[in-house]
Amino acid sequence: WKRTNGGERWQRREDDEQRERHKFMNEGEAVYLQCNYTATSGSNPYLFWYSHYANKAPEYILNTYIRNTKQQRADFAKERFSTNVSNAERTVHLNISQVRVTDSAVYYCSLSPTEAQISDSVLQKLSGGVRQLSA
């Protein structure tokens, strides 16, 4: 990961190529971040979501089992953060309702006991009240 534009945007670097994905929304809208995973058919691992704010340690948001809907959430995440699993597509979404500027962070997903894809997203304030989410 590397920070660009004075620390206001993050870019993911893969094989010396940089990619950015953006979502645009207004404050108060819902945001859906996607994480792809691989797991053996006999396992039922946890999927964890974390947020990483500039100059702070990563912060736990929630976790869920891949094979059922049991979720555990941090206290701050109980009202606006949720997740849903699509086993057919092998994806797990982080859903943020009523997005706020204070949700600006890099978001990571991690599959336990092994790691899965790391999904990064940055929410930033743009002029005119529009927010930009980079994933």
C-alpha atoms as a PDB file:
ATOM      1  CA  TRP A   1       0.000   0.000   0.000  1.00  0.00           C
ATOM      2  CA  LYS A   2       1.163   3.494  -0.561  1.00  0.00           C
ATOM      3  CA  ARG A   3      -0.270   6.879   0.179  1.00  0.00           C
ATOM      4  CA  THR A   4      -0.570   9.497  -2.551  1.00  0.00           C
ATOM      5  CA  ASN A   5      -1.824  13.066  -2.937  1.00  0.00           C
ATOM      6  CA  GLY A   6      -0.677  14.255   0.463  1.00  0.00           C
ATOM      7  CA  GLY A   7      -2.103  11.230   2.225  1.00  0.00           C
ATOM      8  CA  GLU A   8      -5.679  11.746   1.041  1.00  0.00           C
ATOM      9  CA  ARG A   9      -5.832   8.707  -1.230  1.00  0.00           C
ATOM     10  CA  TRP A  10      -4.452   5.164  -1.036  1.00  0.00           C
ATOM     11  CA  GLN A  11      -3.306   3.047  -3.914  1.00  0.00           C
ATOM     12  CA  ARG A  12      -2.813  -0.690  -3.997  1.00  0.00           C
ATOM     13  CA  ARG A  13       0.317  -1.794  -5.814  1.00  0.00           C
ATOM     14  CA  GLU A  14       0.377  -5.138  -7.642  1.00  0.00           C
ATOM     15  CA  ASP A  15       3.259  -6.286  -9.854  1.00  0.00           C
ATOM     16  CA  ASP A  16       4.490  -2.702 -10.284  1.00  0.00           C
ATOM     17  CA  GLU A  17       1.068  -1.632 -11.536  1.00  0.00           C
ATOM     18  CA  GLN A  18      -1.225   0.594  -9.562  1.00  0.00           C
ATOM     19  CA  ARG A  19      -4.985   0.147  -9.602  1.00  0.00           C
ATOM     20  CA  GLU A  20      -7.738   2.177  -8.073  1.00  0.00           C
ATOM     21  CA  ARG A  21     -11.453   1.503  -7.887  1.00  0.00           C
ATOM     22  CA  HIS A  22     -13.827   4.279  -6.904  1.00  0.00           C
ATOM     23  CA  LYS A  23     -17.385   4.547  -5.706  1.00  0.00           C
ATOM     24  CA  PHE A  24     -19.102   7.893  -5.403  1.00  0.00           C
ATOM     25  CA  MET A  25     -21.865   8.581  -2.912  1.00  0.00           C
ATOM     26  CA  ASN A  26     -23.377  11.269  -0.758  1.00  0.00           C
ATOM     27  CA  GLU A  27     -23.071  11.251   2.985  1.00  0.00           C
ATOM     28  CA  GLY A  28     -25.922   9.143   4.362  1.00  0.00           C
ATOM     29  CA  GLU A  29     -25.933   6.613   1.515  1.00  0.00           C
ATOM     30  CA  ALA A  30     -25.073   2.922   1.866  1.00  0.00           C
ATOM     31  CA  VAL A  31     -21.677   1.487   0.862  1.00  0.00           C
ATOM     32  CA  TYR A  32     -20.927  -2.148  -0.015  1.00  0.00           C
ATOM     33  CA  LEU A  33     -17.307  -3.356  -0.048  1.00  0.00           C
ATOM     34  CA  GLN A  34     -16.461  -6.784  -1.457  1.00  0.00           C
ATOM     35  CA  CYS A  35     -13.876  -9.347  -0.403  1.00  0.00           C
ATOM     36  CA  ASN A  36     -13.220 -12.564  -2.337  1.00  0.00           C
ATOM     37  CA  TYR A  37     -12.144 -15.650  -0.401  1.00  0.00           C
ATOM     38  CA  THR A  38     -11.088 -19.246  -0.859  1.00  0.00           C
ATOM     39  CA  ALA A  39     -11.818 -21.918   1.737  1.00  0.00           C
ATOM     40  CA  THR A  40     -11.862 -25.689   1.735  1.00  0.00           C
ATOM     41  CA  SER A  41     -15.296 -27.280   1.456  1.00  0.00           C
ATOM     42  CA  GLY A  42     -15.031 -28.904   4.891  1.00  0.00           C
ATOM     43  CA  SER A  43     -14.037 -25.782   6.791  1.00  0.00           C
ATOM     44  CA  ASN A  44     -16.137 -23.035   8.352  1.00  0.00           C
ATOM     45  CA  PRO A  45     -13.622 -20.241   8.942  1.00  0.00           C
ATOM     46  CA  TYR A  46     -14.273 -16.749  10.212  1.00  0.00           C
ATOM     47  CA  LEU A  47     -14.027 -13.733   7.943  1.00  0.00           C
ATOM     48  CA  PHE A  48     -12.864 -10.556   9.696  1.00  0.00           C
ATOM     49  CA  TRP A  49     -13.229  -6.927   8.589  1.00  0.00           C
ATOM     50  CA  TYR A  50     -10.943  -4.179   9.909  1.00  0.00           C
ATOM     51  CA  SER A  51     -10.637  -0.461   9.250  1.00  0.00           C
ATOM     52  CA  HIS A  52      -7.330   1.389   9.235  1.00  0.00           C
ATOM     53  CA  TYR A  53      -7.396   5.124   9.833  1.00  0.00           C
ATOM     54  CA  ALA A  54      -4.344   7.253   9.060  1.00  0.00           C
ATOM     55  CA  ASN A  55      -1.730   7.185  11.834  1.00  0.00           C
ATOM     56  CA  LYS A  56      -3.684   4.621  13.888  1.00  0.00           C
ATOM     57  CA  ALA A  57      -3.581   0.867  14.367  1.00  0.00           C
ATOM     58  CA  PRO A  58      -6.100  -1.249  12.415  1.00  0.00           C
ATOM     59  CA  GLU A  59      -9.454  -1.485  14.204  1.00  0.00           C
ATOM     60  CA  TYR A  60     -11.674  -4.581  14.357  1.00  0.00           C
ATOM     61  CA  ILE A  61     -15.154  -4.016  12.873  1.00  0.00           C
ATOM     62  CA  LEU A  62     -16.824  -7.433  12.721  1.00  0.00           C
ATOM     63  CA  ASN A  63     -16.464 -11.100  11.916  1.00  0.00           C
ATOM     64  CA  THR A  64     -18.735 -13.811  10.575  1.00  0.00           C
ATOM     65  CA  TYR A  65     -18.626 -17.499   9.817  1.00  0.00           C
ATOM     66  CA  ILE A  66     -18.398 -18.237   6.109  1.00  0.00           C
ATOM     67  CA  ARG A  67     -20.962 -21.080   6.208  1.00  0.00           C
ATOM     68  CA  ASN A  68     -23.661 -19.397   8.338  1.00  0.00           C
ATOM     69  CA  THR A  69     -24.873 -15.939   9.263  1.00  0.00           C
ATOM     70  CA  LYS A  70     -23.577 -15.697  12.839  1.00  0.00           C
ATOM     71  CA  GLN A  71     -21.904 -12.292  13.218  1.00  0.00           C
ATOM     72  CA  GLN A  72     -20.022 -10.545  15.995  1.00  0.00           C
ATOM     73  CA  ARG A  73     -19.457  -6.782  15.877  1.00  0.00           C
ATOM     74  CA  ALA A  74     -17.514  -4.141  17.721  1.00  0.00           C
ATOM     75  CA  ASP A  75     -19.757  -1.866  19.789  1.00  0.00           C
ATOM     76  CA  PHE A  76     -19.338   1.078  17.398  1.00  0.00           C
ATOM     77  CA  ALA A  77     -20.330  -1.137  14.431  1.00  0.00           C
ATOM     78  CA  LYS A  78     -23.586  -2.590  15.768  1.00  0.00           C
ATOM     79  CA  GLU A  79     -25.928  -0.057  14.168  1.00  0.00           C
ATOM     80  CA  ARG A  80     -24.375   0.759  10.768  1.00  0.00           C
ATOM     81  CA  PHE A  81     -22.006  -2.095   9.832  1.00  0.00           C
ATOM     82  CA  SER A  82     -23.053  -5.571   8.696  1.00  0.00           C
ATOM     83  CA  THR A  83     -21.866  -8.321   6.405  1.00  0.00           C
ATOM     84  CA  ASN A  84     -23.352 -10.882   4.066  1.00  0.00           C
ATOM     85  CA  VAL A  85     -21.753 -13.974   2.551  1.00  0.00           C
ATOM     86  CA  SER A  86     -22.255 -15.421  -0.923  1.00  0.00           C
ATOM     87  CA  ASN A  87     -20.795 -18.923  -0.859  1.00  0.00           C
ATOM     88  CA  ALA A  88     -21.655 -19.439  -4.531  1.00  0.00           C
ATOM     89  CA  GLU A  89     -19.572 -16.403  -5.527  1.00  0.00           C
ATOM     90  CA  ARG A  90     -17.092 -16.813  -2.650  1.00  0.00           C
ATOM     91  CA  THR A  91     -17.524 -13.198  -1.625  1.00  0.00           C
ATOM     92  CA  VAL A  92     -18.182 -11.420   1.636  1.00  0.00           C
ATOM     93  CA  HIS A  93     -19.496  -7.864   1.659  1.00  0.00           C
ATOM     94  CA  LEU A  94     -19.016  -5.201   4.291  1.00  0.00           C
ATOM     95  CA  ASN A  95     -22.159  -3.081   4.327  1.00  0.00           C
ATOM     96  CA  ILE A  96     -21.980   0.412   5.805  1.00  0.00           C
ATOM     97  CA  SER A  97     -25.309   2.192   6.118  1.00  0.00           C
ATOM     98  CA  GLN A  98     -25.583   5.968   6.361  1.00  0.00           C
ATOM     99  CA  VAL A  99     -21.926   6.502   5.445  1.00  0.00           C
ATOM    100  CA  ARG A 100     -20.146   9.363   7.190  1.00  0.00           C
ATOM    101  CA  VAL A 101     -16.979  11.276   6.420  1.00  0.00           C
ATOM    102  CA  THR A 102     -15.563   9.763   9.617  1.00  0.00           C
ATOM    103  CA  ASP A 103     -15.773   6.352   7.902  1.00  0.00           C
ATOM    104  CA  SER A 104     -12.784   7.419   5.763  1.00  0.00           C
ATOM    105  CA  ALA A 105     -10.322   4.549   6.098  1.00  0.00           C
ATOM    106  CA  VAL A 106      -8.607   1.654   4.388  1.00  0.00           C
ATOM    107  CA  TYR A 107     -10.737  -1.471   4.885  1.00  0.00           C
ATOM    108  CA  TYR A 108      -9.189  -4.941   5.151  1.00  0.00           C
ATOM    109  CA  CYS A 109     -10.738  -8.378   5.128  1.00  0.00           C
ATOM    110  CA  SER A 110      -8.984 -11.435   6.488  1.00  0.00           C
ATOM    111  CA  LEU A 111     -10.001 -15.087   6.420  1.00  0.00           C
ATOM    112  CA  SER A 112      -9.091 -17.201   9.437  1.00  0.00           C
ATOM    113  CA  PRO A 113      -7.249 -19.507   9.857  1.00  0.00           C
ATOM    114  CA  THR A 114      -5.627 -18.474   6.570  1.00  0.00           C
ATOM    115  CA  GLU A 115      -5.521 -15.098   4.883  1.00  0.00           C
ATOM    116  CA  ALA A 116      -7.703 -14.136   1.946  1.00  0.00           C
ATOM    117  CA  GLN A 117      -7.677 -11.135  -0.349  1.00  0.00           C
ATOM    118  CA  ILE A 118      -7.051  -7.774   1.238  1.00  0.00           C
ATOM    119  CA  SER A 119      -9.669  -5.287   0.146  1.00  0.00           C
ATOM    120  CA  ASP A 120      -8.781  -1.611   0.421  1.00  0.00           C
ATOM    121  CA  SER A 121     -11.127   1.314   0.397  1.00  0.00           C
ATOM    122  CA  VAL A 122     -10.787   4.964   1.172  1.00  0.00           C
ATOM    123  CA  LEU A 123     -13.644   7.347   1.720  1.00  0.00           C
ATOM    124  CA  GLN A 124     -12.827  10.988   1.254  1.00  0.00           C
ATOM    125  CA  LYS A 125     -14.697  14.261   1.220  1.00  0.00           C
ATOM    126  CA  LEU A 126     -15.005  16.034  -2.115  1.00  0.00           C
ATOM    127  CA  SER A 127     -16.380  19.481  -2.830  1.00  0.00           C
ATOM    128  CA  GLY A 128     -20.143  19.825  -2.940  1.00  0.00           C
ATOM    129  CA  GLY A 129     -20.782  17.247  -0.228  1.00  0.00           C
ATOM    130  CA  VAL A 130     -20.033  14.252  -2.450  1.00  0.00           C
ATOM    131  CA  ARG A 131     -17.913  11.483  -0.944  1.00  0.00           C
ATOM    132  CA  GLN A 132     -15.489   9.275  -2.834  1.00  0.00           C
ATOM    133  CA  LEU A 133     -14.838   5.663  -1.895  1.00  0.00           C
ATOM    134  CA  SER A 134     -11.757   4.036  -3.401  1.00  0.00           C
ATOM    135  CA  ALA A 135     -11.536   0.273  -3.282  1.00  0.00           C
END
